[in-house]
Structure formats: structure tokens, C-alpha cells
Amino acid sequence: NFTGKGGALTRGKYAPSLEGVDPKH
């Protein structure tokens, strides 16, 4: 998503939210 909130992918996969994630990670 354009603000890093995450979103659904195919076959039950997903892109996780990037909010609050350590910059190193």
C-alpha cells in the first residue's frame, strides 16, 4: 500500500504492515 499499511496477496499470502517496524529490519 502507498503508506505501508500492508495488503493481501494471492493464495492466502500478504504483505505485512510496515508501521512501527524497526528501520534496521
PDBML (XML) file of the C-alpha atoms, coordinates in Angstrom:
<?xml version="1.0" encoding="UTF-8" ?>
<PDBx:datablock datablockName="MODEL"
   xmlns:PDBx="http://pdbml.pdb.org/schema/pdbx-v50.xsd"
   xmlns:xsi="http://www.w3.org/2001/XMLSchema-instance"
   xsi:schemaLocation="http://pdbml.pdb.org/schema/pdbx-v50.xsd pdbx-v50.xsd">
   <PDBx:atom_siteCategory>
      <PDBx:atom_site id="1">
         <PDBx:B_iso_or_equiv>0.00</PDBx:B_iso_or_equiv>
         <PDBx:Cartn_x>0.000</PDBx:Cartn_x>
         <PDBx:Cartn_y>0.000</PDBx:Cartn_y>
         <PDBx:Cartn_z>0.000</PDBx:Cartn_z>
         <PDBx:auth_asym_id>A</PDBx:auth_asym_id>
         <PDBx:auth_atom_id>CA</PDBx:auth_atom_id>
         <PDBx:auth_comp_id>ASN</PDBx:auth_comp_id>
         <PDBx:auth_seq_id>1</PDBx:auth_seq_id>
         <PDBx:group_PDB>ATOM</PDBx:group_PDB>
         <PDBx:label_alt_id xsi:nil="true" />
         <PDBx:label_asym_id>A</PDBx:label_asym_id>
         <PDBx:label_atom_id>CA</PDBx:label_atom_id>
         <PDBx:label_comp_id>ASN</PDBx:label_comp_id>
         <PDBx:label_entity_id>1</PDBx:label_entity_id>
         <PDBx:label_seq_id>1</PDBx:label_seq_id>
         <PDBx:occupancy>1.00</PDBx:occupancy>
         <PDBx:pdbx_PDB_model_num>1</PDBx:pdbx_PDB_model_num>
         <PDBx:type_symbol>C</PDBx:type_symbol>
      </PDBx:atom_site>
      <PDBx:atom_site id="2">
         <PDBx:B_iso_or_equiv>0.00</PDBx:B_iso_or_equiv>
         <PDBx:Cartn_x>1.202</PDBx:Cartn_x>
         <PDBx:Cartn_y>3.536</PDBx:Cartn_y>
         <PDBx:Cartn_z>-0.685</PDBx:Cartn_z>
         <PDBx:auth_asym_id>A</PDBx:auth_asym_id>
         <PDBx:auth_atom_id>CA</PDBx:auth_atom_id>
         <PDBx:auth_comp_id>PHE</PDBx:auth_comp_id>
         <PDBx:auth_seq_id>2</PDBx:auth_seq_id>
         <PDBx:group_PDB>ATOM</PDBx:group_PDB>
         <PDBx:label_alt_id xsi:nil="true" />
         <PDBx:label_asym_id>A</PDBx:label_asym_id>
         <PDBx:label_atom_id>CA</PDBx:label_atom_id>
         <PDBx:label_comp_id>PHE</PDBx:label_comp_id>
         <PDBx:label_entity_id>1</PDBx:label_entity_id>
         <PDBx:label_seq_id>2</PDBx:label_seq_id>
         <PDBx:occupancy>1.00</PDBx:occupancy>
         <PDBx:pdbx_PDB_model_num>1</PDBx:pdbx_PDB_model_num>
         <PDBx:type_symbol>C</PDBx:type_symbol>
      </PDBx:atom_site>
      <PDBx:atom_site id="3">
         <PDBx:B_iso_or_equiv>0.00</PDBx:B_iso_or_equiv>
         <PDBx:Cartn_x>1.557</PDBx:Cartn_x>
         <PDBx:Cartn_y>4.341</PDBx:Cartn_y>
         <PDBx:Cartn_z>3.034</PDBx:Cartn_z>
         <PDBx:auth_asym_id>A</PDBx:auth_asym_id>
         <PDBx:auth_atom_id>CA</PDBx:auth_atom_id>
         <PDBx:auth_comp_id>THR</PDBx:auth_comp_id>
         <PDBx:auth_seq_id>3</PDBx:auth_seq_id>
         <PDBx:group_PDB>ATOM</PDBx:group_PDB>
         <PDBx:label_alt_id xsi:nil="true" />
         <PDBx:label_asym_id>A</PDBx:label_asym_id>
         <PDBx:label_atom_id>CA</PDBx:label_atom_id>
         <PDBx:label_comp_id>THR</PDBx:label_comp_id>
         <PDBx:label_entity_id>1</PDBx:label_entity_id>
         <PDBx:label_seq_id>3</PDBx:label_seq_id>
         <PDBx:occupancy>1.00</PDBx:occupancy>
         <PDBx:pdbx_PDB_model_num>1</PDBx:pdbx_PDB_model_num>
         <PDBx:type_symbol>C</PDBx:type_symbol>
      </PDBx:atom_site>
      <PDBx:atom_site id="4">
         <PDBx:B_iso_or_equiv>0.00</PDBx:B_iso_or_equiv>
         <PDBx:Cartn_x>2.951</PDBx:Cartn_x>
         <PDBx:Cartn_y>0.949</PDBx:Cartn_y>
         <PDBx:Cartn_z>4.072</PDBx:Cartn_z>
         <PDBx:auth_asym_id>A</PDBx:auth_asym_id>
         <PDBx:auth_atom_id>CA</PDBx:auth_atom_id>
         <PDBx:auth_comp_id>GLY</PDBx:auth_comp_id>
         <PDBx:auth_seq_id>4</PDBx:auth_seq_id>
         <PDBx:group_PDB>ATOM</PDBx:group_PDB>
         <PDBx:label_alt_id xsi:nil="true" />
         <PDBx:label_asym_id>A</PDBx:label_asym_id>
         <PDBx:label_atom_id>CA</PDBx:label_atom_id>
         <PDBx:label_comp_id>GLY</PDBx:label_comp_id>
         <PDBx:label_entity_id>1</PDBx:label_entity_id>
         <PDBx:label_seq_id>4</PDBx:label_seq_id>
         <PDBx:occupancy>1.00</PDBx:occupancy>
         <PDBx:pdbx_PDB_model_num>1</PDBx:pdbx_PDB_model_num>
         <PDBx:type_symbol>C</PDBx:type_symbol>
      </PDBx:atom_site>
      <PDBx:atom_site id="5">
         <PDBx:B_iso_or_equiv>0.00</PDBx:B_iso_or_equiv>
         <PDBx:Cartn_x>-0.242</PDBx:Cartn_x>
         <PDBx:Cartn_y>-0.328</PDBx:Cartn_y>
         <PDBx:Cartn_z>5.726</PDBx:Cartn_z>
         <PDBx:auth_asym_id>A</PDBx:auth_asym_id>
         <PDBx:auth_atom_id>CA</PDBx:auth_atom_id>
         <PDBx:auth_comp_id>LYS</PDBx:auth_comp_id>
         <PDBx:auth_seq_id>5</PDBx:auth_seq_id>
         <PDBx:group_PDB>ATOM</PDBx:group_PDB>
         <PDBx:label_alt_id xsi:nil="true" />
         <PDBx:label_asym_id>A</PDBx:label_asym_id>
         <PDBx:label_atom_id>CA</PDBx:label_atom_id>
         <PDBx:label_comp_id>LYS</PDBx:label_comp_id>
         <PDBx:label_entity_id>1</PDBx:label_entity_id>
         <PDBx:label_seq_id>5</PDBx:label_seq_id>
         <PDBx:occupancy>1.00</PDBx:occupancy>
         <PDBx:pdbx_PDB_model_num>1</PDBx:pdbx_PDB_model_num>
         <PDBx:type_symbol>C</PDBx:type_symbol>
      </PDBx:atom_site>
      <PDBx:atom_site id="6">
         <PDBx:B_iso_or_equiv>0.00</PDBx:B_iso_or_equiv>
         <PDBx:Cartn_x>0.136</PDBx:Cartn_x>
         <PDBx:Cartn_y>-3.723</PDBx:Cartn_y>
         <PDBx:Cartn_z>4.087</PDBx:Cartn_z>
         <PDBx:auth_asym_id>A</PDBx:auth_asym_id>
         <PDBx:auth_atom_id>CA</PDBx:auth_atom_id>
         <PDBx:auth_comp_id>GLY</PDBx:auth_comp_id>
         <PDBx:auth_seq_id>6</PDBx:auth_seq_id>
         <PDBx:group_PDB>ATOM</PDBx:group_PDB>
         <PDBx:label_alt_id xsi:nil="true" />
         <PDBx:label_asym_id>A</PDBx:label_asym_id>
         <PDBx:label_atom_id>CA</PDBx:label_atom_id>
         <PDBx:label_comp_id>GLY</PDBx:label_comp_id>
         <PDBx:label_entity_id>1</PDBx:label_entity_id>
         <PDBx:label_seq_id>6</PDBx:label_seq_id>
         <PDBx:occupancy>1.00</PDBx:occupancy>
         <PDBx:pdbx_PDB_model_num>1</PDBx:pdbx_PDB_model_num>
         <PDBx:type_symbol>C</PDBx:type_symbol>
      </PDBx:atom_site>
      <PDBx:atom_site id="7">
         <PDBx:B_iso_or_equiv>0.00</PDBx:B_iso_or_equiv>
         <PDBx:Cartn_x>-2.213</PDBx:Cartn_x>
         <PDBx:Cartn_y>-5.673</PDBx:Cartn_y>
         <PDBx:Cartn_z>1.845</PDBx:Cartn_z>
         <PDBx:auth_asym_id>A</PDBx:auth_asym_id>
         <PDBx:auth_atom_id>CA</PDBx:auth_atom_id>
         <PDBx:auth_comp_id>GLY</PDBx:auth_comp_id>
         <PDBx:auth_seq_id>7</PDBx:auth_seq_id>
         <PDBx:group_PDB>ATOM</PDBx:group_PDB>
         <PDBx:label_alt_id xsi:nil="true" />
         <PDBx:label_asym_id>A</PDBx:label_asym_id>
         <PDBx:label_atom_id>CA</PDBx:label_atom_id>
         <PDBx:label_comp_id>GLY</PDBx:label_comp_id>
         <PDBx:label_entity_id>1</PDBx:label_entity_id>
         <PDBx:label_seq_id>7</PDBx:label_seq_id>
         <PDBx:occupancy>1.00</PDBx:occupancy>
         <PDBx:pdbx_PDB_model_num>1</PDBx:pdbx_PDB_model_num>
         <PDBx:type_symbol>C</PDBx:type_symbol>
      </PDBx:atom_site>
      <PDBx:atom_site id="8">
         <PDBx:B_iso_or_equiv>0.00</PDBx:B_iso_or_equiv>
         <PDBx:Cartn_x>-3.393</PDBx:Cartn_x>
         <PDBx:Cartn_y>-9.058</PDBx:Cartn_y>
         <PDBx:Cartn_z>0.664</PDBx:Cartn_z>
         <PDBx:auth_asym_id>A</PDBx:auth_asym_id>
         <PDBx:auth_atom_id>CA</PDBx:auth_atom_id>
         <PDBx:auth_comp_id>ALA</PDBx:auth_comp_id>
         <PDBx:auth_seq_id>8</PDBx:auth_seq_id>
         <PDBx:group_PDB>ATOM</PDBx:group_PDB>
         <PDBx:label_alt_id xsi:nil="true" />
         <PDBx:label_asym_id>A</PDBx:label_asym_id>
         <PDBx:label_atom_id>CA</PDBx:label_atom_id>
         <PDBx:label_comp_id>ALA</PDBx:label_comp_id>
         <PDBx:label_entity_id>1</PDBx:label_entity_id>
         <PDBx:label_seq_id>8</PDBx:label_seq_id>
         <PDBx:occupancy>1.00</PDBx:occupancy>
         <PDBx:pdbx_PDB_model_num>1</PDBx:pdbx_PDB_model_num>
         <PDBx:type_symbol>C</PDBx:type_symbol>
      </PDBx:atom_site>
      <PDBx:atom_site id="9">
         <PDBx:B_iso_or_equiv>0.00</PDBx:B_iso_or_equiv>
         <PDBx:Cartn_x>-1.561</PDBx:Cartn_x>
         <PDBx:Cartn_y>-11.161</PDBx:Cartn_y>
         <PDBx:Cartn_z>-1.924</PDBx:Cartn_z>
         <PDBx:auth_asym_id>A</PDBx:auth_asym_id>
         <PDBx:auth_atom_id>CA</PDBx:auth_atom_id>
         <PDBx:auth_comp_id>LEU</PDBx:auth_comp_id>
         <PDBx:auth_seq_id>9</PDBx:auth_seq_id>
         <PDBx:group_PDB>ATOM</PDBx:group_PDB>
         <PDBx:label_alt_id xsi:nil="true" />
         <PDBx:label_asym_id>A</PDBx:label_asym_id>
         <PDBx:label_atom_id>CA</PDBx:label_atom_id>
         <PDBx:label_comp_id>LEU</PDBx:label_comp_id>
         <PDBx:label_entity_id>1</PDBx:label_entity_id>
         <PDBx:label_seq_id>9</PDBx:label_seq_id>
         <PDBx:occupancy>1.00</PDBx:occupancy>
         <PDBx:pdbx_PDB_model_num>1</PDBx:pdbx_PDB_model_num>
         <PDBx:type_symbol>C</PDBx:type_symbol>
      </PDBx:atom_site>
      <PDBx:atom_site id="10">
         <PDBx:B_iso_or_equiv>0.00</PDBx:B_iso_or_equiv>
         <PDBx:Cartn_x>-2.547</PDBx:Cartn_x>
         <PDBx:Cartn_y>-14.353</PDBx:Cartn_y>
         <PDBx:Cartn_z>-3.722</PDBx:Cartn_z>
         <PDBx:auth_asym_id>A</PDBx:auth_asym_id>
         <PDBx:auth_atom_id>CA</PDBx:auth_atom_id>
         <PDBx:auth_comp_id>THR</PDBx:auth_comp_id>
         <PDBx:auth_seq_id>10</PDBx:auth_seq_id>
         <PDBx:group_PDB>ATOM</PDBx:group_PDB>
         <PDBx:label_alt_id xsi:nil="true" />
         <PDBx:label_asym_id>A</PDBx:label_asym_id>
         <PDBx:label_atom_id>CA</PDBx:label_atom_id>
         <PDBx:label_comp_id>THR</PDBx:label_comp_id>
         <PDBx:label_entity_id>1</PDBx:label_entity_id>
         <PDBx:label_seq_id>10</PDBx:label_seq_id>
         <PDBx:occupancy>1.00</PDBx:occupancy>
         <PDBx:pdbx_PDB_model_num>1</PDBx:pdbx_PDB_model_num>
         <PDBx:type_symbol>C</PDBx:type_symbol>
      </PDBx:atom_site>
      <PDBx:atom_site id="11">
         <PDBx:B_iso_or_equiv>0.00</PDBx:B_iso_or_equiv>
         <PDBx:Cartn_x>-3.374</PDBx:Cartn_x>
         <PDBx:Cartn_y>-17.721</PDBx:Cartn_y>
         <PDBx:Cartn_z>-2.106</PDBx:Cartn_z>
         <PDBx:auth_asym_id>A</PDBx:auth_asym_id>
         <PDBx:auth_atom_id>CA</PDBx:auth_atom_id>
         <PDBx:auth_comp_id>ARG</PDBx:auth_comp_id>
         <PDBx:auth_seq_id>11</PDBx:auth_seq_id>
         <PDBx:group_PDB>ATOM</PDBx:group_PDB>
         <PDBx:label_alt_id xsi:nil="true" />
         <PDBx:label_asym_id>A</PDBx:label_asym_id>
         <PDBx:label_atom_id>CA</PDBx:label_atom_id>
         <PDBx:label_comp_id>ARG</PDBx:label_comp_id>
         <PDBx:label_entity_id>1</PDBx:label_entity_id>
         <PDBx:label_seq_id>11</PDBx:label_seq_id>
         <PDBx:occupancy>1.00</PDBx:occupancy>
         <PDBx:pdbx_PDB_model_num>1</PDBx:pdbx_PDB_model_num>
         <PDBx:type_symbol>C</PDBx:type_symbol>
      </PDBx:atom_site>
      <PDBx:atom_site id="12">
         <PDBx:B_iso_or_equiv>0.00</PDBx:B_iso_or_equiv>
         <PDBx:Cartn_x>-3.557</PDBx:Cartn_x>
         <PDBx:Cartn_y>-16.501</PDBx:Cartn_y>
         <PDBx:Cartn_z>1.471</PDBx:Cartn_z>
         <PDBx:auth_asym_id>A</PDBx:auth_asym_id>
         <PDBx:auth_atom_id>CA</PDBx:auth_atom_id>
         <PDBx:auth_comp_id>GLY</PDBx:auth_comp_id>
         <PDBx:auth_seq_id>12</PDBx:auth_seq_id>
         <PDBx:group_PDB>ATOM</PDBx:group_PDB>
         <PDBx:label_alt_id xsi:nil="true" />
         <PDBx:label_asym_id>A</PDBx:label_asym_id>
         <PDBx:label_atom_id>CA</PDBx:label_atom_id>
         <PDBx:label_comp_id>GLY</PDBx:label_comp_id>
         <PDBx:label_entity_id>1</PDBx:label_entity_id>
         <PDBx:label_seq_id>12</PDBx:label_seq_id>
         <PDBx:occupancy>1.00</PDBx:occupancy>
         <PDBx:pdbx_PDB_model_num>1</PDBx:pdbx_PDB_model_num>
         <PDBx:type_symbol>C</PDBx:type_symbol>
      </PDBx:atom_site>
      <PDBx:atom_site id="13">
         <PDBx:B_iso_or_equiv>0.00</PDBx:B_iso_or_equiv>
         <PDBx:Cartn_x>-0.270</PDBx:Cartn_x>
         <PDBx:Cartn_y>-14.604</PDBx:Cartn_y>
         <PDBx:Cartn_z>1.402</PDBx:Cartn_z>
         <PDBx:auth_asym_id>A</PDBx:auth_asym_id>
         <PDBx:auth_atom_id>CA</PDBx:auth_atom_id>
         <PDBx:auth_comp_id>LYS</PDBx:auth_comp_id>
         <PDBx:auth_seq_id>13</PDBx:auth_seq_id>
         <PDBx:group_PDB>ATOM</PDBx:group_PDB>
         <PDBx:label_alt_id xsi:nil="true" />
         <PDBx:label_asym_id>A</PDBx:label_asym_id>
         <PDBx:label_atom_id>CA</PDBx:label_atom_id>
         <PDBx:label_comp_id>LYS</PDBx:label_comp_id>
         <PDBx:label_entity_id>1</PDBx:label_entity_id>
         <PDBx:label_seq_id>13</PDBx:label_seq_id>
         <PDBx:occupancy>1.00</PDBx:occupancy>
         <PDBx:pdbx_PDB_model_num>1</PDBx:pdbx_PDB_model_num>
         <PDBx:type_symbol>C</PDBx:type_symbol>
      </PDBx:atom_site>
      <PDBx:atom_site id="14">
         <PDBx:B_iso_or_equiv>0.00</PDBx:B_iso_or_equiv>
         <PDBx:Cartn_x>0.011</PDBx:Cartn_x>
         <PDBx:Cartn_y>-10.997</PDBx:Cartn_y>
         <PDBx:Cartn_z>2.464</PDBx:Cartn_z>
         <PDBx:auth_asym_id>A</PDBx:auth_asym_id>
         <PDBx:auth_atom_id>CA</PDBx:auth_atom_id>
         <PDBx:auth_comp_id>TYR</PDBx:auth_comp_id>
         <PDBx:auth_seq_id>14</PDBx:auth_seq_id>
         <PDBx:group_PDB>ATOM</PDBx:group_PDB>
         <PDBx:label_alt_id xsi:nil="true" />
         <PDBx:label_asym_id>A</PDBx:label_asym_id>
         <PDBx:label_atom_id>CA</PDBx:label_atom_id>
         <PDBx:label_comp_id>TYR</PDBx:label_comp_id>
         <PDBx:label_entity_id>1</PDBx:label_entity_id>
         <PDBx:label_seq_id>14</PDBx:label_seq_id>
         <PDBx:occupancy>1.00</PDBx:occupancy>
         <PDBx:pdbx_PDB_model_num>1</PDBx:pdbx_PDB_model_num>
         <PDBx:type_symbol>C</PDBx:type_symbol>
      </PDBx:atom_site>
      <PDBx:atom_site id="15">
         <PDBx:B_iso_or_equiv>0.00</PDBx:B_iso_or_equiv>
         <PDBx:Cartn_x>2.375</PDBx:Cartn_x>
         <PDBx:Cartn_y>-8.042</PDBx:Cartn_y>
         <PDBx:Cartn_z>2.587</PDBx:Cartn_z>
         <PDBx:auth_asym_id>A</PDBx:auth_asym_id>
         <PDBx:auth_atom_id>CA</PDBx:auth_atom_id>
         <PDBx:auth_comp_id>ALA</PDBx:auth_comp_id>
         <PDBx:auth_seq_id>15</PDBx:auth_seq_id>
         <PDBx:group_PDB>ATOM</PDBx:group_PDB>
         <PDBx:label_alt_id xsi:nil="true" />
         <PDBx:label_asym_id>A</PDBx:label_asym_id>
         <PDBx:label_atom_id>CA</PDBx:label_atom_id>
         <PDBx:label_comp_id>ALA</PDBx:label_comp_id>
         <PDBx:label_entity_id>1</PDBx:label_entity_id>
         <PDBx:label_seq_id>15</PDBx:label_seq_id>
         <PDBx:occupancy>1.00</PDBx:occupancy>
         <PDBx:pdbx_PDB_model_num>1</PDBx:pdbx_PDB_model_num>
         <PDBx:type_symbol>C</PDBx:type_symbol>
      </PDBx:atom_site>
      <PDBx:atom_site id="16">
         <PDBx:B_iso_or_equiv>0.00</PDBx:B_iso_or_equiv>
         <PDBx:Cartn_x>2.725</PDBx:Cartn_x>
         <PDBx:Cartn_y>-7.071</PDBx:Cartn_y>
         <PDBx:Cartn_z>6.260</PDBx:Cartn_z>
         <PDBx:auth_asym_id>A</PDBx:auth_asym_id>
         <PDBx:auth_atom_id>CA</PDBx:auth_atom_id>
         <PDBx:auth_comp_id>PRO</PDBx:auth_comp_id>
         <PDBx:auth_seq_id>16</PDBx:auth_seq_id>
         <PDBx:group_PDB>ATOM</PDBx:group_PDB>
         <PDBx:label_alt_id xsi:nil="true" />
         <PDBx:label_asym_id>A</PDBx:label_asym_id>
         <PDBx:label_atom_id>CA</PDBx:label_atom_id>
         <PDBx:label_comp_id>PRO</PDBx:label_comp_id>
         <PDBx:label_entity_id>1</PDBx:label_entity_id>
         <PDBx:label_seq_id>16</PDBx:label_seq_id>
         <PDBx:occupancy>1.00</PDBx:occupancy>
         <PDBx:pdbx_PDB_model_num>1</PDBx:pdbx_PDB_model_num>
         <PDBx:type_symbol>C</PDBx:type_symbol>
      </PDBx:atom_site>
      <PDBx:atom_site id="17">
         <PDBx:B_iso_or_equiv>0.00</PDBx:B_iso_or_equiv>
         <PDBx:Cartn_x>2.211</PDBx:Cartn_x>
         <PDBx:Cartn_y>-3.574</PDBx:Cartn_y>
         <PDBx:Cartn_z>7.581</PDBx:Cartn_z>
         <PDBx:auth_asym_id>A</PDBx:auth_asym_id>
         <PDBx:auth_atom_id>CA</PDBx:auth_atom_id>
         <PDBx:auth_comp_id>SER</PDBx:auth_comp_id>
         <PDBx:auth_seq_id>17</PDBx:auth_seq_id>
         <PDBx:group_PDB>ATOM</PDBx:group_PDB>
         <PDBx:label_alt_id xsi:nil="true" />
         <PDBx:label_asym_id>A</PDBx:label_asym_id>
         <PDBx:label_atom_id>CA</PDBx:label_atom_id>
         <PDBx:label_comp_id>SER</PDBx:label_comp_id>
         <PDBx:label_entity_id>1</PDBx:label_entity_id>
         <PDBx:label_seq_id>17</PDBx:label_seq_id>
         <PDBx:occupancy>1.00</PDBx:occupancy>
         <PDBx:pdbx_PDB_model_num>1</PDBx:pdbx_PDB_model_num>
         <PDBx:type_symbol>C</PDBx:type_symbol>
      </PDBx:atom_site>
      <PDBx:atom_site id="18">
         <PDBx:B_iso_or_equiv>0.00</PDBx:B_iso_or_equiv>
         <PDBx:Cartn_x>5.393</PDBx:Cartn_x>
         <PDBx:Cartn_y>-1.525</PDBx:Cartn_y>
         <PDBx:Cartn_z>7.849</PDBx:Cartn_z>
         <PDBx:auth_asym_id>A</PDBx:auth_asym_id>
         <PDBx:auth_atom_id>CA</PDBx:auth_atom_id>
         <PDBx:auth_comp_id>LEU</PDBx:auth_comp_id>
         <PDBx:auth_seq_id>18</PDBx:auth_seq_id>
         <PDBx:group_PDB>ATOM</PDBx:group_PDB>
         <PDBx:label_alt_id xsi:nil="true" />
         <PDBx:label_asym_id>A</PDBx:label_asym_id>
         <PDBx:label_atom_id>CA</PDBx:label_atom_id>
         <PDBx:label_comp_id>LEU</PDBx:label_comp_id>
         <PDBx:label_entity_id>1</PDBx:label_entity_id>
         <PDBx:label_seq_id>18</PDBx:label_seq_id>
         <PDBx:occupancy>1.00</PDBx:occupancy>
         <PDBx:pdbx_PDB_model_num>1</PDBx:pdbx_PDB_model_num>
         <PDBx:type_symbol>C</PDBx:type_symbol>
      </PDBx:atom_site>
      <PDBx:atom_site id="19">
         <PDBx:B_iso_or_equiv>0.00</PDBx:B_iso_or_equiv>
         <PDBx:Cartn_x>4.058</PDBx:Cartn_x>
         <PDBx:Cartn_y>0.748</PDBx:Cartn_y>
         <PDBx:Cartn_z>10.566</PDBx:Cartn_z>
         <PDBx:auth_asym_id>A</PDBx:auth_asym_id>
         <PDBx:auth_atom_id>CA</PDBx:auth_atom_id>
         <PDBx:auth_comp_id>GLU</PDBx:auth_comp_id>
         <PDBx:auth_seq_id>19</PDBx:auth_seq_id>
         <PDBx:group_PDB>ATOM</PDBx:group_PDB>
         <PDBx:label_alt_id xsi:nil="true" />
         <PDBx:label_asym_id>A</PDBx:label_asym_id>
         <PDBx:label_atom_id>CA</PDBx:label_atom_id>
         <PDBx:label_comp_id>GLU</PDBx:label_comp_id>
         <PDBx:label_entity_id>1</PDBx:label_entity_id>
         <PDBx:label_seq_id>19</PDBx:label_seq_id>
         <PDBx:occupancy>1.00</PDBx:occupancy>
         <PDBx:pdbx_PDB_model_num>1</PDBx:pdbx_PDB_model_num>
         <PDBx:type_symbol>C</PDBx:type_symbol>
      </PDBx:atom_site>
      <PDBx:atom_site id="20">
         <PDBx:B_iso_or_equiv>0.00</PDBx:B_iso_or_equiv>
         <PDBx:Cartn_x>6.236</PDBx:Cartn_x>
         <PDBx:Cartn_y>0.605</PDBx:Cartn_y>
         <PDBx:Cartn_z>13.672</PDBx:Cartn_z>
         <PDBx:auth_asym_id>A</PDBx:auth_asym_id>
         <PDBx:auth_atom_id>CA</PDBx:auth_atom_id>
         <PDBx:auth_comp_id>GLY</PDBx:auth_comp_id>
         <PDBx:auth_seq_id>20</PDBx:auth_seq_id>
         <PDBx:group_PDB>ATOM</PDBx:group_PDB>
         <PDBx:label_alt_id xsi:nil="true" />
         <PDBx:label_asym_id>A</PDBx:label_asym_id>
         <PDBx:label_atom_id>CA</PDBx:label_atom_id>
         <PDBx:label_comp_id>GLY</PDBx:label_comp_id>
         <PDBx:label_entity_id>1</PDBx:label_entity_id>
         <PDBx:label_seq_id>20</PDBx:label_seq_id>
         <PDBx:occupancy>1.00</PDBx:occupancy>
         <PDBx:pdbx_PDB_model_num>1</PDBx:pdbx_PDB_model_num>
         <PDBx:type_symbol>C</PDBx:type_symbol>
      </PDBx:atom_site>
      <PDBx:atom_site id="21">
         <PDBx:B_iso_or_equiv>0.00</PDBx:B_iso_or_equiv>
         <PDBx:Cartn_x>8.786</PDBx:Cartn_x>
         <PDBx:Cartn_y>-1.757</PDBx:Cartn_y>
         <PDBx:Cartn_z>12.091</PDBx:Cartn_z>
         <PDBx:auth_asym_id>A</PDBx:auth_asym_id>
         <PDBx:auth_atom_id>CA</PDBx:auth_atom_id>
         <PDBx:auth_comp_id>VAL</PDBx:auth_comp_id>
         <PDBx:auth_seq_id>21</PDBx:auth_seq_id>
         <PDBx:group_PDB>ATOM</PDBx:group_PDB>
         <PDBx:label_alt_id xsi:nil="true" />
         <PDBx:label_asym_id>A</PDBx:label_asym_id>
         <PDBx:label_atom_id>CA</PDBx:label_atom_id>
         <PDBx:label_comp_id>VAL</PDBx:label_comp_id>
         <PDBx:label_entity_id>1</PDBx:label_entity_id>
         <PDBx:label_seq_id>21</PDBx:label_seq_id>
         <PDBx:occupancy>1.00</PDBx:occupancy>
         <PDBx:pdbx_PDB_model_num>1</PDBx:pdbx_PDB_model_num>
         <PDBx:type_symbol>C</PDBx:type_symbol>
      </PDBx:atom_site>
      <PDBx:atom_site id="22">
         <PDBx:B_iso_or_equiv>0.00</PDBx:B_iso_or_equiv>
         <PDBx:Cartn_x>12.397</PDBx:Cartn_x>
         <PDBx:Cartn_y>-1.229</PDBx:Cartn_y>
         <PDBx:Cartn_z>13.143</PDBx:Cartn_z>
         <PDBx:auth_asym_id>A</PDBx:auth_asym_id>
         <PDBx:auth_atom_id>CA</PDBx:auth_atom_id>
         <PDBx:auth_comp_id>ASP</PDBx:auth_comp_id>
         <PDBx:auth_seq_id>22</PDBx:auth_seq_id>
         <PDBx:group_PDB>ATOM</PDBx:group_PDB>
         <PDBx:label_alt_id xsi:nil="true" />
         <PDBx:label_asym_id>A</PDBx:label_asym_id>
         <PDBx:label_atom_id>CA</PDBx:label_atom_id>
         <PDBx:label_comp_id>ASP</PDBx:label_comp_id>
         <PDBx:label_entity_id>1</PDBx:label_entity_id>
         <PDBx:label_seq_id>22</PDBx:label_seq_id>
         <PDBx:occupancy>1.00</PDBx:occupancy>
         <PDBx:pdbx_PDB_model_num>1</PDBx:pdbx_PDB_model_num>
         <PDBx:type_symbol>C</PDBx:type_symbol>
      </PDBx:atom_site>
      <PDBx:atom_site id="23">
         <PDBx:B_iso_or_equiv>0.00</PDBx:B_iso_or_equiv>
         <PDBx:Cartn_x>14.248</PDBx:Cartn_x>
         <PDBx:Cartn_y>0.692</PDBx:Cartn_y>
         <PDBx:Cartn_z>10.378</PDBx:Cartn_z>
         <PDBx:auth_asym_id>A</PDBx:auth_asym_id>
         <PDBx:auth_atom_id>CA</PDBx:auth_atom_id>
         <PDBx:auth_comp_id>PRO</PDBx:auth_comp_id>
         <PDBx:auth_seq_id>23</PDBx:auth_seq_id>
         <PDBx:group_PDB>ATOM</PDBx:group_PDB>
         <PDBx:label_alt_id xsi:nil="true" />
         <PDBx:label_asym_id>A</PDBx:label_asym_id>
         <PDBx:label_atom_id>CA</PDBx:label_atom_id>
         <PDBx:label_comp_id>PRO</PDBx:label_comp_id>
         <PDBx:label_entity_id>1</PDBx:label_entity_id>
         <PDBx:label_seq_id>23</PDBx:label_seq_id>
         <PDBx:occupancy>1.00</PDBx:occupancy>
         <PDBx:pdbx_PDB_model_num>1</PDBx:pdbx_PDB_model_num>
         <PDBx:type_symbol>C</PDBx:type_symbol>
      </PDBx:atom_site>
      <PDBx:atom_site id="24">
         <PDBx:B_iso_or_equiv>0.00</PDBx:B_iso_or_equiv>
         <PDBx:Cartn_x>17.042</PDBx:Cartn_x>
         <PDBx:Cartn_y>-1.862</PDBx:Cartn_y>
         <PDBx:Cartn_z>10.527</PDBx:Cartn_z>
         <PDBx:auth_asym_id>A</PDBx:auth_asym_id>
         <PDBx:auth_atom_id>CA</PDBx:auth_atom_id>
         <PDBx:auth_comp_id>LYS</PDBx:auth_comp_id>
         <PDBx:auth_seq_id>24</PDBx:auth_seq_id>
         <PDBx:group_PDB>ATOM</PDBx:group_PDB>
         <PDBx:label_alt_id xsi:nil="true" />
         <PDBx:label_asym_id>A</PDBx:label_asym_id>
         <PDBx:label_atom_id>CA</PDBx:label_atom_id>
         <PDBx:label_comp_id>LYS</PDBx:label_comp_id>
         <PDBx:label_entity_id>1</PDBx:label_entity_id>
         <PDBx:label_seq_id>24</PDBx:label_seq_id>
         <PDBx:occupancy>1.00</PDBx:occupancy>
         <PDBx:pdbx_PDB_model_num>1</PDBx:pdbx_PDB_model_num>
         <PDBx:type_symbol>C</PDBx:type_symbol>
      </PDBx:atom_site>
      <PDBx:atom_site id="25">
         <PDBx:B_iso_or_equiv>0.00</PDBx:B_iso_or_equiv>
         <PDBx:Cartn_x>14.587</PDBx:Cartn_x>
         <PDBx:Cartn_y>-4.649</PDBx:Cartn_y>
         <PDBx:Cartn_z>9.726</PDBx:Cartn_z>
         <PDBx:auth_asym_id>A</PDBx:auth_asym_id>
         <PDBx:auth_atom_id>CA</PDBx:auth_atom_id>
         <PDBx:auth_comp_id>HIS</PDBx:auth_comp_id>
         <PDBx:auth_seq_id>25</PDBx:auth_seq_id>
         <PDBx:group_PDB>ATOM</PDBx:group_PDB>
         <PDBx:label_alt_id xsi:nil="true" />
         <PDBx:label_asym_id>A</PDBx:label_asym_id>
         <PDBx:label_atom_id>CA</PDBx:label_atom_id>
         <PDBx:label_comp_id>HIS</PDBx:label_comp_id>
         <PDBx:label_entity_id>1</PDBx:label_entity_id>
         <PDBx:label_seq_id>25</PDBx:label_seq_id>
         <PDBx:occupancy>1.00</PDBx:occupancy>
         <PDBx:pdbx_PDB_model_num>1</PDBx:pdbx_PDB_model_num>
         <PDBx:type_symbol>C</PDBx:type_symbol>
      </PDBx:atom_site>
   </PDBx:atom_siteCategory>
</PDBx:datablock>
